[in-house]
C-alpha atoms as a PDB file:
ATOM      1  CA  MET A   1      12.593-222.310  82.315  1.00  0.00           C
ATOM      2  CA  GLU A   2      15.271-220.856  84.553  1.00  0.00           C
ATOM      3  CA  PHE A   3      17.738-223.168  82.820  1.00  0.00           C
ATOM      4  CA  LEU A   4      16.649-221.924  79.376  1.00  0.00           C
ATOM      5  CA  ALA A   5      16.905-218.297  80.472  1.00  0.00           C
ATOM      6  CA  GLU A   6      20.388-218.840  81.906  1.00  0.00           C
ATOM      7  CA  TYR A   7      21.439-220.754  78.803  1.00  0.00           C
ATOM      8  CA  GLY A   8      20.223-217.944  76.539  1.00  0.00           C
ATOM      9  CA  LEU A   9      22.104-215.389  78.641  1.00  0.00           C
ATOM     10  CA  PHE A  10      25.246-217.521  78.426  1.00  0.00           C
ATOM     11  CA  ILE A  11      24.984-217.728  74.624  1.00  0.00           C
ATOM     12  CA  ALA A  12      24.538-213.951  74.439  1.00  0.00           C
ATOM     13  CA  LYS A  13      27.723-213.423  76.462  1.00  0.00           C
ATOM     14  CA  VAL A  14      29.644-215.847  74.254  1.00  0.00           C
ATOM     15  CA  VAL A  15      28.440-214.053  71.115  1.00  0.00           C
ATOM     16  CA  THR A  16      29.495-210.690  72.556  1.00  0.00           C
ATOM     17  CA  VAL A  17      32.971-211.908  73.528  1.00  0.00           C
ATOM     18  CA  VAL A  18      33.630-213.671  70.203  1.00  0.00           C
ATOM     19  CA  VAL A  19      32.488-210.690  68.124  1.00  0.00           C
ATOM     20  CA  ALA A  20      34.584-208.310  70.234  1.00  0.00           C
ATOM     21  CA  VAL A  21      37.685-210.492  69.771  1.00  0.00           C
ATOM     22  CA  LEU A  22      37.157-210.753  66.003  1.00  0.00           C
ATOM     23  CA  ILE A  23      36.702-207.000  65.673  1.00  0.00           C
ATOM     24  CA  LEU A  24      39.841-206.393  67.724  1.00  0.00           C
ATOM     25  CA  VAL A  25      41.865-208.739  65.525  1.00  0.00           C
ATOM     26  CA  ALA A  26      40.510-207.092  62.364  1.00  0.00           C
ATOM     27  CA  GLY A  27      41.438-203.659  63.737  1.00  0.00           C
ATOM     28  CA  ILE A  28      44.994-204.748  64.560  1.00  0.00           C
ATOM     29  CA  VAL A  29      45.491-206.218  61.085  1.00  0.00           C
ATOM     30  CA  ALA A  30      44.079-203.088  59.447  1.00  0.00           C
ATOM     31  CA  ILE A  31      46.413-200.824  61.425  1.00  0.00           C
ATOM     32  CA  ASN A  32      49.452-202.962  60.590  1.00  0.00           C
ATOM     33  CA  SER A  33      48.659-202.992  56.887  1.00  0.00           C
ATOM     34  CA  ARG A  34      47.629-199.354  56.577  1.00  0.00           C
ATOM     35  CA  HIS A  35      51.016-198.249  55.283  1.00  0.00           C
ATOM     36  CA  LYS A  36      51.563-201.258  53.060  1.00  0.00           C
ATOM     37  CA  LYS A  37      51.016-201.111  49.336  1.00  0.00           C
ATOM     38  CA  SER A  38      47.682-202.390  48.100  1.00  0.00           C
ATOM     39  CA  VAL A  39      47.699-205.909  46.707  1.00  0.00           C
ATOM     40  CA  ALA A  40      47.721-205.874  42.919  1.00  0.00           C
ATOM     41  CA  GLY A  41      45.011-207.613  40.936  1.00  0.00           C
ATOM     42  CA  HIS A  42      45.180-209.769  37.849  1.00  0.00           C
ATOM     43  CA  ILE A  43      43.574-210.137  34.435  1.00  0.00           C
ATOM     44  CA  GLU A  44      41.098-212.968  33.900  1.00  0.00           C
ATOM     45  CA  VAL A  45      40.015-214.042  30.410  1.00  0.00           C
ATOM     46  CA  LYS A  46      37.001-216.175  29.551  1.00  0.00           C
ATOM     47  CA  ASN A  47      36.474-217.669  26.101  1.00  0.00           C
ATOM     48  CA  LEU A  48      32.888-216.646  25.306  1.00  0.00           C
ATOM     49  CA  SER A  49      32.993-218.402  21.930  1.00  0.00           C
ATOM     50  CA  LYS A  50      33.531-221.682  23.752  1.00  0.00           C
ATOM     51  CA  HIS A  51      30.777-220.781  26.206  1.00  0.00           C
ATOM     52  CA  TYR A  52      28.266-220.118  23.419  1.00  0.00           C
ATOM     53  CA  THR A  53      29.249-223.380  21.692  1.00  0.00           C
ATOM     54  CA  GLU A  54      28.783-225.363  24.907  1.00  0.00           C
ATOM     55  CA  VAL A  55      25.365-223.804  25.497  1.00  0.00           C
ATOM     56  CA  LYS A  56      24.343-224.598  21.924  1.00  0.00           C
ATOM     57  CA  ASP A  57      25.577-228.212  22.187  1.00  0.00           C
ATOM     58  CA  THR A  58      23.818-228.750  25.521  1.00  0.00           C
ATOM     59  CA  LEU A  59      20.477-227.610  24.169  1.00  0.00           C
ATOM     60  CA  ARG A  60      20.968-229.454  20.889  1.00  0.00           C
ATOM     61  CA  ASN A  61      21.742-232.714  22.687  1.00  0.00           C
ATOM     62  CA  ALA A  62      18.605-232.294  24.769  1.00  0.00           C
ATOM     63  CA  VAL A  63      16.093-231.555  22.005  1.00  0.00           C
ATOM     64  CA  LEU A  64      17.338-233.359  18.854  1.00  0.00           C
ATOM     65  CA  ASP A  65      16.826-237.035  18.161  1.00  0.00           C
ATOM     66  CA  LYS A  66      19.833-239.333  17.747  1.00  0.00           C
ATOM     67  CA  GLU A  67      19.612-239.584  13.963  1.00  0.00           C
ATOM     68  CA  THR A  68      19.462-235.824  13.429  1.00  0.00           C
ATOM     69  CA  LEU A  69      22.265-235.280  15.930  1.00  0.00           C
ATOM     70  CA  LYS A  70      24.420-237.905  14.224  1.00  0.00           C
ATOM     71  CA  ALA A  71      23.895-236.274  10.837  1.00  0.00           C
ATOM     72  CA  LEU A  72      24.876-232.870  12.253  1.00  0.00           C
ATOM     73  CA  HIS A  73      28.068-234.254  13.792  1.00  0.00           C
ATOM     74  CA  LYS A  74      28.943-235.928  10.496  1.00  0.00           C
ATOM     75  CA  GLU A  75      28.450-232.687   8.585  1.00  0.00           C
ATOM     76  CA  GLU A  76      30.542-230.729  11.101  1.00  0.00           C
ATOM     77  CA  LYS A  77      33.419-233.242  10.840  1.00  0.00           C
ATOM     78  CA  LYS A  78      33.239-232.975   7.056  1.00  0.00           C
ATOM     79  CA  GLN A  79      33.522-229.203   7.225  1.00  0.00           C
ATOM     80  CA  GLU A  80      36.463-229.467   9.637  1.00  0.00           C
ATOM     81  CA  LYS A  81      38.331-231.775   7.248  1.00  0.00           C
ATOM     82  CA  GLN A  82      37.749-229.394   4.357  1.00  0.00           C
ATOM     83  CA  ALA A  83      39.026-226.510   6.447  1.00  0.00           C
ATOM     84  CA  HIS A  84      42.269-228.401   7.178  1.00  0.00           C
ATOM     85  CA  LYS A  85      42.918-229.328   3.541  1.00  0.00           C
ATOM     86  CA  LYS A  86      45.286-226.444   2.954  1.00  0.00           C
ATOM     87  CA  THR A  87      48.397-228.434   2.072  1.00  0.00           C
ATOM     88  CA  GLY A  88      50.419-226.595  -0.531  1.00  0.00           C
ATOM     89  CA  GLU A  89      48.055-223.638  -0.386  1.00  0.00           C
ATOM     90  CA  GLU A  90      48.475-220.294   1.296  1.00  0.00           C
ATOM     91  CA  SER A  91      46.962-220.484   4.762  1.00  0.00           C
ATOM     92  CA  GLU A  92      44.002-218.258   5.561  1.00  0.00           C
ATOM     93  CA  PRO A  93      44.511-215.220   7.816  1.00  0.00           C
ATOM     94  CA  ARG A  94      43.620-215.778  11.447  1.00  0.00           C
ATOM     95  CA  ARG A  95      40.101-215.119  12.639  1.00  0.00           C
ATOM     96  CA  SER A  96      39.529-211.717  14.118  1.00  0.00           C
ATOM     97  CA  ARG A  97      39.205-211.443  17.878  1.00  0.00           C
ATOM     98  CA  LEU A  98      36.510-209.563  19.775  1.00  0.00           C
ATOM     99  CA  TYR A  99      37.331-208.458  23.310  1.00  0.00           C
ATOM    100  CA  VAL A 100      34.423-207.781  25.680  1.00  0.00           C
ATOM    101  CA  VAL A 101      34.747-205.427  28.653  1.00  0.00           C
ATOM    102  CA  ASP A 102      32.066-204.510  31.199  1.00  0.00           C
ATOM    103  CA  PHE A 103      31.745-201.079  32.787  1.00  0.00           C
ATOM    104  CA  HIS A 104      29.161-200.534  35.538  1.00  0.00           C
ATOM    105  CA  GLY A 105      29.626-196.917  36.555  1.00  0.00           C
ATOM    106  CA  ASP A 106      28.812-195.329  39.889  1.00  0.00           C
ATOM    107  CA  ILE A 107      28.785-191.602  40.641  1.00  0.00           C
ATOM    108  CA  LYS A 108      32.597-191.545  41.060  1.00  0.00           C
ATOM    109  CA  ALA A 109      33.327-193.762  38.026  1.00  0.00           C
ATOM    110  CA  SER A 110      35.209-196.032  40.425  1.00  0.00           C
ATOM    111  CA  GLN A 111      35.536-198.839  37.882  1.00  0.00           C
ATOM    112  CA  VAL A 112      37.897-196.733  35.771  1.00  0.00           C
ATOM    113  CA  ASP A 113      40.781-198.316  37.740  1.00  0.00           C
ATOM    114  CA  SER A 114      39.799-201.728  36.378  1.00  0.00           C
ATOM    115  CA  LEU A 115      39.017-200.325  32.919  1.00  0.00           C
ATOM    116  CA  ARG A 116      42.517-198.894  32.487  1.00  0.00           C
ATOM    117  CA  GLU A 117      44.047-202.313  33.278  1.00  0.00           C
ATOM    118  CA  GLU A 118      41.677-204.132  30.926  1.00  0.00           C
ATOM    119  CA  ILE A 119      42.330-201.706  28.068  1.00  0.00           C
ATOM    120  CA  THR A 120      46.096-201.911  28.612  1.00  0.00           C
ATOM    121  CA  ALA A 121      45.981-205.710  28.488  1.00  0.00           C
ATOM    122  CA  ILE A 122      43.876-205.762  25.315  1.00  0.00           C
ATOM    123  CA  LEU A 123      46.009-203.198  23.497  1.00  0.00           C
ATOM    124  CA  SER A 124      49.129-205.248  24.198  1.00  0.00           C
ATOM    125  CA  ILE A 125      48.028-207.840  21.603  1.00  0.00           C
ATOM    126  CA  ALA A 126      45.037-206.442  19.696  1.00  0.00           C
ATOM    127  CA  GLU A 127      45.352-205.604  15.996  1.00  0.00           C
ATOM    128  CA  PRO A 128      43.265-203.418  13.652  1.00  0.00           C
ATOM    129  CA  GLN A 129      41.338-206.479  12.421  1.00  0.00           C
ATOM    130  CA  ASP A 130      40.062-207.081  15.975  1.00  0.00           C
ATOM    131  CA  GLU A 131      37.317-205.282  17.878  1.00  0.00           C
ATOM    132  CA  VAL A 132      36.646-204.105  21.422  1.00  0.00           C
ATOM    133  CA  VAL A 133      33.082-204.152  22.767  1.00  0.00           C
ATOM    134  CA  VAL A 134      32.275-202.337  26.005  1.00  0.00           C
ATOM    135  CA  ARG A 135      29.003-203.259  27.691  1.00  0.00           C
ATOM    136  CA  LEU A 136      28.316-199.935  29.346  1.00  0.00           C
ATOM    137  CA  GLU A 137      25.869-199.147  32.122  1.00  0.00           C
ATOM    138  CA  SER A 138      26.030-195.778  33.846  1.00  0.00           C
ATOM    139  CA  ALA A 139      23.754-192.881  34.721  1.00  0.00           C
ATOM    140  CA  GLY A 140      26.746-190.538  35.016  1.00  0.00           C
ATOM    141  CA  GLY A 141      28.652-188.878  37.819  1.00  0.00           C
ATOM    142  CA  VAL A 142      31.620-186.597  38.430  1.00  0.00           C
ATOM    143  CA  VAL A 143      33.165-184.895  35.404  1.00  0.00           C
ATOM    144  CA  HIS A 144      36.795-185.774  36.081  1.00  0.00           C
ATOM    145  CA  GLY A 145      36.004-189.456  36.733  1.00  0.00           C
ATOM    146  CA  TYR A 146      34.043-189.968  33.532  1.00  0.00           C
ATOM    147  CA  GLY A 147      36.434-187.778  31.597  1.00  0.00           C
ATOM    148  CA  LEU A 148      39.220-190.205  32.526  1.00  0.00           C
ATOM    149  CA  ALA A 149      37.036-193.210  31.633  1.00  0.00           C
ATOM    150  CA  ALA A 150      36.331-191.707  28.197  1.00  0.00           C
ATOM    151  CA  ALA A 151      40.054-191.052  27.722  1.00  0.00           C
ATOM    152  CA  GLN A 152      40.784-194.717  28.484  1.00  0.00           C
ATOM    153  CA  LEU A 153      38.350-195.773  25.760  1.00  0.00           C
ATOM    154  CA  ASN A 154      39.885-193.253  23.377  1.00  0.00           C
ATOM    155  CA  ARG A 155      43.139-195.230  23.621  1.00  0.00           C
ATOM    156  CA  VAL A 156      41.406-197.980  21.633  1.00  0.00           C
ATOM    157  CA  ARG A 157      40.416-195.536  18.871  1.00  0.00           C
ATOM    158  CA  ASP A 158      43.916-194.058  18.784  1.00  0.00           C
ATOM    159  CA  LYS A 159      45.341-197.548  18.229  1.00  0.00           C
ATOM    160  CA  GLY A 160      43.134-197.942  15.155  1.00  0.00           C
ATOM    161  CA  ILE A 161      41.045-200.747  16.665  1.00  0.00           C
ATOM    162  CA  PRO A 162      37.255-200.614  16.153  1.00  0.00           C
ATOM    163  CA  LEU A 163      35.399-199.760  19.368  1.00  0.00           C
ATOM    164  CA  THR A 164      31.742-200.619  19.903  1.00  0.00           C
ATOM    165  CA  ILE A 165      29.713-199.472  22.902  1.00  0.00           C
ATOM    166  CA  SER A 166      26.668-201.549  23.836  1.00  0.00           C
ATOM    167  CA  VAL A 167      24.013-200.026  26.095  1.00  0.00           C
ATOM    168  CA  ASP A 168      21.385-202.414  27.436  1.00  0.00           C
ATOM    169  CA  LYS A 169      19.981-200.164  30.171  1.00  0.00           C
ATOM    170  CA  VAL A 170      21.455-196.675  30.533  1.00  0.00           C
ATOM    171  CA  ALA A 171      24.310-194.484  29.312  1.00  0.00           C
ATOM    172  CA  ALA A 172      23.428-190.965  30.378  1.00  0.00           C
ATOM    173  CA  SER A 173      25.435-187.845  31.184  1.00  0.00           C
ATOM    174  CA  GLY A 174      28.963-189.100  31.983  1.00  0.00           C
ATOM    175  CA  GLY A 175      27.883-192.488  30.674  1.00  0.00           C
ATOM    176  CA  TYR A 176      27.168-190.954  27.286  1.00  0.00           C
ATOM    177  CA  MET A 177      30.467-189.075  27.453  1.00  0.00           C
ATOM    178  CA  MET A 178      32.064-192.525  27.422  1.00  0.00           C
ATOM    179  CA  ALA A 179      29.719-193.923  24.768  1.00  0.00           C
ATOM    180  CA  CYS A 180      30.260-191.146  22.234  1.00  0.00           C
ATOM    181  CA  VAL A 181      33.934-192.135  21.879  1.00  0.00           C
ATOM    182  CA  ALA A 182      32.952-195.360  20.090  1.00  0.00           C
ATOM    183  CA  ASN A 183      33.015-195.994  16.362  1.00  0.00           C
ATOM    184  CA  LYS A 184      29.569-197.509  16.791  1.00  0.00           C
ATOM    185  CA  ILE A 185      26.938-197.302  19.539  1.00  0.00           C
ATOM    186  CA  ILE A 186      24.266-199.979  19.844  1.00  0.00           C
ATOM    187  CA  ALA A 187      21.428-199.873  22.356  1.00  0.00           C
ATOM    188  CA  ALA A 188      18.415-201.862  23.468  1.00  0.00           C
ATOM    189  CA  PRO A 189      15.070-200.408  22.307  1.00  0.00           C
ATOM    190  CA  PHE A 190      14.276-198.937  25.731  1.00  0.00           C
ATOM    191  CA  ALA A 191      17.775-198.106  26.930  1.00  0.00           C
ATOM    192  CA  ILE A 192      18.193-194.561  28.279  1.00  0.00           C
ATOM    193  CA  LEU A 193      20.700-192.261  26.544  1.00  0.00           C
ATOM    194  CA  GLY A 194      21.596-188.589  26.468  1.00  0.00           C
ATOM    195  CA  SER A 195      21.337-186.246  29.448  1.00  0.00           C
ATOM    196  CA  ILE A 196      24.078-184.089  27.968  1.00  0.00           C
ATOM    197  CA  GLY A 197      24.055-181.493  30.698  1.00  0.00           C
ATOM    198  CA  VAL A 198      25.683-180.542  33.989  1.00  0.00           C
ATOM    199  CA  VAL A 199      24.080-180.350  37.411  1.00  0.00           C
ATOM    200  CA  ALA A 200      25.300-179.304  40.863  1.00  0.00           C
ATOM    201  CA  GLN A 201      23.365-178.736  44.064  1.00  0.00           C
ATOM    202  CA  LEU A 202      24.083-178.173  47.733  1.00  0.00           C
ATOM    203  CA  PRO A 203      22.086-177.170  50.804  1.00  0.00           C
ATOM    204  CA  ASN A 204      22.750-173.955  52.692  1.00  0.00           C
ATOM    205  CA  LEU A 205      22.345-173.945  56.472  1.00  0.00           C
ATOM    206  CA  HIS A 206      23.331-170.336  57.069  1.00  0.00           C
ATOM    207  CA  ARG A 207      19.887-169.150  58.238  1.00  0.00           C
ATOM    208  CA  LEU A 208      19.558-172.134  60.587  1.00  0.00           C
ATOM    209  CA  LEU A 209      22.943-171.392  62.162  1.00  0.00           C
ATOM    210  CA  LYS A 210      22.083-167.694  62.436  1.00  0.00           C
ATOM    211  CA  LYS A 211      18.782-168.526  64.137  1.00  0.00           C
ATOM    212  CA  HIS A 212      20.647-170.474  66.806  1.00  0.00           C
ATOM    213  CA  GLU A 213      23.368-167.800  67.073  1.00  0.00           C
ATOM    214  CA  ILE A 214      26.104-170.058  65.702  1.00  0.00           C
ATOM    215  CA  ASP A 215      28.909-168.272  63.880  1.00  0.00           C
ATOM    216  CA  PHE A 216      30.649-169.820  60.893  1.00  0.00           C
ATOM    217  CA  GLU A 217      33.867-168.414  59.443  1.00  0.00           C
ATOM    218  CA  LEU A 218      35.425-169.245  56.101  1.00  0.00           C
ATOM    219  CA  HIS A 219      38.717-167.689  55.025  1.00  0.00           C
ATOM    220  CA  THR A 220      40.122-168.033  51.514  1.00  0.00           C
ATOM    221  CA  ALA A 221      43.024-166.697  49.469  1.00  0.00           C
ATOM    222  CA  GLY A 222      41.823-166.130  45.940  1.00  0.00           C
ATOM    223  CA  GLU A 223      38.636-164.384  44.869  1.00  0.00           C
ATOM    224  CA  TYR A 224      36.885-167.549  43.705  1.00  0.00           C
ATOM    225  CA  LYS A 225      38.494-170.180  45.917  1.00  0.00           C
ATOM    226  CA  ARG A 226      34.972-170.724  47.264  1.00  0.00           C
ATOM    227  CA  THR A 227      31.831-169.618  45.451  1.00  0.00           C
ATOM    228  CA  LEU A 228      28.888-171.288  47.209  1.00  0.00           C
ATOM    229  CA  THR A 229      29.174-172.850  50.673  1.00  0.00           C
ATOM    230  CA  VAL A 230      26.994-175.046  52.863  1.00  0.00           C
ATOM    231  CA  PHE A 231      27.352-173.065  56.106  1.00  0.00           C
ATOM    232  CA  GLY A 232      28.293-169.560  55.059  1.00  0.00           C
ATOM    233  CA  GLU A 233      26.175-166.755  53.612  1.00  0.00           C
ATOM    234  CA  ASN A 234      26.210-167.043  49.815  1.00  0.00           C
ATOM    235  CA  THR A 235      26.541-163.904  47.706  1.00  0.00           C
ATOM    236  CA  ASP A 236      25.146-163.022  44.289  1.00  0.00           C
ATOM    237  CA  GLN A 237      28.708-162.744  42.987  1.00  0.00           C
ATOM    238  CA  GLY A 238      29.569-166.244  44.233  1.00  0.00           C
ATOM    239  CA  ARG A 239      26.332-167.622  42.840  1.00  0.00           C
ATOM    240  CA  LYS A 240      27.006-166.092  39.420  1.00  0.00           C
ATOM    241  CA  LYS A 241      30.514-167.555  39.340  1.00  0.00           C
ATOM    242  CA  PHE A 242      29.155-170.965  40.294  1.00  0.00           C
ATOM    243  CA  ILE A 243      26.652-170.873  37.407  1.00  0.00           C
ATOM    244  CA  ASP A 244      29.346-169.634  35.005  1.00  0.00           C
ATOM    245  CA  ASP A 245      31.486-172.637  35.934  1.00  0.00           C
ATOM    246  CA  LEU A 246      28.570-174.967  35.248  1.00  0.00           C
ATOM    247  CA  GLU A 247      27.993-173.365  31.850  1.00  0.00           C
ATOM    248  CA  ASP A 248      31.682-173.659  30.975  1.00  0.00           C
ATOM    249  CA  THR A 249      31.693-177.339  31.931  1.00  0.00           C
ATOM    250  CA  HIS A 250      28.606-177.853  29.779  1.00  0.00           C
ATOM    251  CA  GLU A 251      30.332-176.212  26.810  1.00  0.00           C
ATOM    252  CA  LEU A 252      33.330-178.547  27.242  1.00  0.00           C
ATOM    253  CA  PHE A 253      30.968-181.522  27.440  1.00  0.00           C
ATOM    254  CA  LYS A 254      29.160-180.496  24.252  1.00  0.00           C
ATOM    255  CA  ALA A 255      32.413-179.902  22.390  1.00  0.00           C
ATOM    256  CA  PHE A 256      33.696-183.350  23.389  1.00  0.00           C
ATOM    257  CA  VAL A 257      30.523-185.079  22.195  1.00  0.00           C
ATOM    258  CA  GLN A 258      30.432-183.055  18.959  1.00  0.00           C
ATOM    259  CA  GLU A 259      34.058-183.943  18.221  1.00  0.00           C
ATOM    260  CA  HIS A 260      33.373-187.667  18.455  1.00  0.00           C
ATOM    261  CA  ARG A 261      29.878-187.676  16.919  1.00  0.00           C
ATOM    262  CA  PRO A 262      29.749-184.807  14.432  1.00  0.00           C
ATOM    263  CA  VAL A 263      26.390-186.051  13.071  1.00  0.00           C
ATOM    264  CA  LEU A 264      24.636-184.814  16.208  1.00  0.00           C
ATOM    265  CA  ASP A 265      22.590-181.631  16.295  1.00  0.00           C
ATOM    266  CA  MET A 266      23.953-180.248  19.569  1.00  0.00           C
ATOM    267  CA  ASP A 267      21.319-177.509  19.855  1.00  0.00           C
ATOM    268  CA  LYS A 268      18.694-180.250  19.908  1.00  0.00           C
ATOM    269  CA  ILE A 269      20.284-182.947  22.070  1.00  0.00           C
ATOM    270  CA  ALA A 270      22.470-180.974  24.520  1.00  0.00           C
ATOM    271  CA  THR A 271      19.552-179.796  26.638  1.00  0.00           C
ATOM    272  CA  GLY A 272      19.991-182.304  29.452  1.00  0.00           C
ATOM    273  CA  GLU A 273      17.088-184.422  28.161  1.00  0.00           C
ATOM    274  CA  ILE A 274      17.143-188.203  27.925  1.00  0.00           C
ATOM    275  CA  TRP A 275      15.929-190.382  25.069  1.00  0.00           C
ATOM    276  CA  PHE A 276      14.880-194.018  25.012  1.00  0.00           C
ATOM    277  CA  GLY A 277      16.528-196.300  22.459  1.00  0.00           C
ATOM    278  CA  ARG A 278      14.197-195.798  19.511  1.00  0.00           C
ATOM    279  CA  ARG A 279      13.990-192.043  20.037  1.00  0.00           C
ATOM    280  CA  ALA A 280      17.753-191.915  20.576  1.00  0.00           C
ATOM    281  CA  GLN A 281      18.344-193.515  17.198  1.00  0.00           C
ATOM    282  CA  ALA A 282      16.114-190.923  15.555  1.00  0.00           C
ATOM    283  CA  VAL A 283      18.369-188.111  16.837  1.00  0.00           C
ATOM    284  CA  ASN A 284      21.597-190.045  16.038  1.00  0.00           C
ATOM    285  CA  LEU A 285      22.596-190.720  19.647  1.00  0.00           C
ATOM    286  CA  VAL A 286      22.883-194.411  18.718  1.00  0.00           C
ATOM    287  CA  ASP A 287      23.591-196.233  15.466  1.00  0.00           C
ATOM    288  CA  GLU A 288      21.714-199.524  15.899  1.00  0.00           C
ATOM    289  CA  LEU A 289      18.968-200.941  18.099  1.00  0.00           C
ATOM    290  CA  LYS A 290      20.328-204.226  19.365  1.00  0.00           C
ATOM    291  CA  THR A 291      21.062-205.842  22.721  1.00  0.00           C
ATOM    292  CA  SER A 292      24.591-206.865  23.631  1.00  0.00           C
ATOM    293  CA  ASP A 293      23.536-210.532  23.606  1.00  0.00           C
ATOM    294  CA  GLU A 294      22.190-210.249  20.083  1.00  0.00           C
ATOM    295  CA  TYR A 295      25.338-208.505  18.893  1.00  0.00           C
ATOM    296  CA  LEU A 296      27.708-211.084  20.388  1.00  0.00           C
ATOM    297  CA  THR A 297      25.757-214.118  19.205  1.00  0.00           C
ATOM    298  CA  VAL A 298      25.938-212.779  15.656  1.00  0.00           C
ATOM    299  CA  LYS A 299      29.648-212.027  15.964  1.00  0.00           C
ATOM    300  CA  VAL A 300      30.497-215.502  17.311  1.00  0.00           C
ATOM    301  CA  ASP A 301      30.355-216.947  13.795  1.00  0.00           C
ATOM    302  CA  GLU A 302      33.011-214.588  12.473  1.00  0.00           C
ATOM    303  CA  ALA A 303      35.277-213.857  15.449  1.00  0.00           C
ATOM    304  CA  ASP A 304      36.764-215.456  18.547  1.00  0.00           C
ATOM    305  CA  ILE A 305      35.180-213.698  21.527  1.00  0.00           C
ATOM    306  CA  TYR A 306      36.972-213.160  24.836  1.00  0.00           C
ATOM    307  CA  HIS A 307      35.661-211.561  28.025  1.00  0.00           C
ATOM    308  CA  VAL A 308      38.426-209.588  29.772  1.00  0.00           C
ATOM    309  CA  VAL A 309      38.114-208.713  33.475  1.00  0.00           C
ATOM    310  CA  TYR A 310      40.585-207.159  35.899  1.00  0.00           C
ATOM    311  CA  GLU A 311      40.052-208.771  39.290  1.00  0.00           C
ATOM    312  CA  HIS A 312      41.221-206.865  42.364  1.00  0.00           C
ATOM    313  CA  LYS A 313      42.682-209.034  45.104  1.00  0.00           C
ATOM    314  CA  LYS A 314      41.107-208.416  48.476  1.00  0.00           C
ATOM    315  CA  SER A 315      43.480-207.331  51.218  1.00  0.00           C
ATOM    316  CA  LEU A 316      43.703-209.304  54.440  1.00  0.00           C
ATOM    317  CA  PRO A 317      41.659-206.719  56.398  1.00  0.00           C
ATOM    318  CA  GLU A 318      38.917-206.911  53.773  1.00  0.00           C
ATOM    319  CA  LYS A 319      38.857-210.698  53.904  1.00  0.00           C
ATOM    320  CA  LEU A 320      38.936-210.658  57.697  1.00  0.00           C
ATOM    321  CA  GLY A 321      36.184-208.067  57.766  1.00  0.00           C
ATOM    322  CA  ILE A 322      33.978-210.345  55.669  1.00  0.00           C
ATOM    323  CA  ALA A 323      34.822-213.270  57.941  1.00  0.00           C
ATOM    324  CA  VAL A 324      33.972-211.212  61.041  1.00  0.00           C
ATOM    325  CA  GLN A 325      30.635-210.162  59.591  1.00  0.00           C
ATOM    326  CA  THR A 326      29.779-213.725  58.547  1.00  0.00           C
ATOM    327  CA  ALA A 327      30.742-215.197  61.945  1.00  0.00           C
ATOM    328  CA  ALA A 328      28.805-212.508  63.818  1.00  0.00           C
ATOM    329  CA  ASP A 329      25.726-213.076  61.679  1.00  0.00           C
ATOM    330  CA  ARG A 330      25.827-216.827  62.292  1.00  0.00           C
ATOM    331  CA  LEU A 331      26.280-216.484  66.053  1.00  0.00           C
ATOM    332  CA  LEU A 332      23.510-213.900  66.273  1.00  0.00           C
ATOM    333  CA  LEU A 333      21.185-216.149  64.279  1.00  0.00           C
ATOM    334  CA  ARG A 334      21.884-219.111  66.568  1.00  0.00           C
ATOM    335  CA  TRP A 335      21.285-216.977  69.649  1.00  0.00           C
ATOM    336  CA  LEU A 336      17.980-215.719  68.292  1.00  0.00           C
ATOM    337  CA  GLN A 337      16.963-219.261  67.423  1.00  0.00           C
ATOM    338  CA  THR A 338      17.776-220.331  71.007  1.00  0.00           C
ATOM    339  CA  LEU A 339      15.653-217.533  72.476  1.00  0.00           C
ATOM    340  CA  GLN A 340      12.845-218.339  70.071  1.00  0.00           C
ATOM    341  CA  TRP A 341      13.010-222.018  71.161  1.00  0.00           C
ATOM    342  CA  GLY A 342      12.759-220.950  74.833  1.00  0.00           C
ATOM    343  CA  ARG A 343       9.761-218.684  74.140  1.00  0.00           C
ATOM    344  CA  PHE A 344       8.034-221.420  72.208  1.00  0.00           C
ATOM    345  CA  PHE A 345       8.034-223.657  75.285  1.00  0.00           C
ATOM    346  CA  SER A 346       7.284-220.929  77.851  1.00  0.00           C
END
């Protein structure tokens, strides 16, 4: 048992040294690359029409008998030949294209950096006969972040290309600010929509600091440079200004939504409430009750569907950080297994 104890201690030392070295290397690389420009990403495109066809063929091959399958293939080849018999005739216009973009929003609307690249790529070739579908999922966040995201989507409308927003789970507050830009909003029956309101909150520790005789000083130039603070003593004047700012932001929010969806009764829906899909349709927050999957599988027969994603390349420090974490986890697991083996035989 002394041997096992010494062996376990040796493994622990090795783990400590290796992890320390890896962290040191990661730190050096991060410092060296701090002032370098971030590595640019790239656009990736997946043919969803092909994907749906492959899924259909796989299932069909599995469940249909040979005779039925042979007859289907024969009929499909016949239709293909008829489609190519256009000699001497005016060729048909190309099929429309449907571009799919995903937006999963956090409180800062961080994905707007990817969205702007995806929209730019699509608009470089899209035409009015095409369509852009955004599968949106967001419970909202900061005003300026979601305001920029909505402006990116508005670029599609300005180009005269139909824009459809699909909400399977939630598009509330800033999420609905984005959704209302669309020509058409579809939502799952129990998706959450609305929350057209503004909220802000912060703690105030002034009384706690005063109790412990801790002074806090805040100096500003400008009457309303700071209204409410976390550590200072808040005034009625500052509190009133803070609420006025919230009300003004709410008015801007309502005006933006009303501009893009004039059918809405703002007095009814701009109360900060949320509605589930069916209720949302009743108050005109959405146009159709349909999941994104249902919408795309219907569209696949009339349009070529492409999924567009902007992939960010990970920097060397990020990759190294992942490698460090993975290596440390593996070494720690092995060490724990060794100790467990020793205890088992003790």
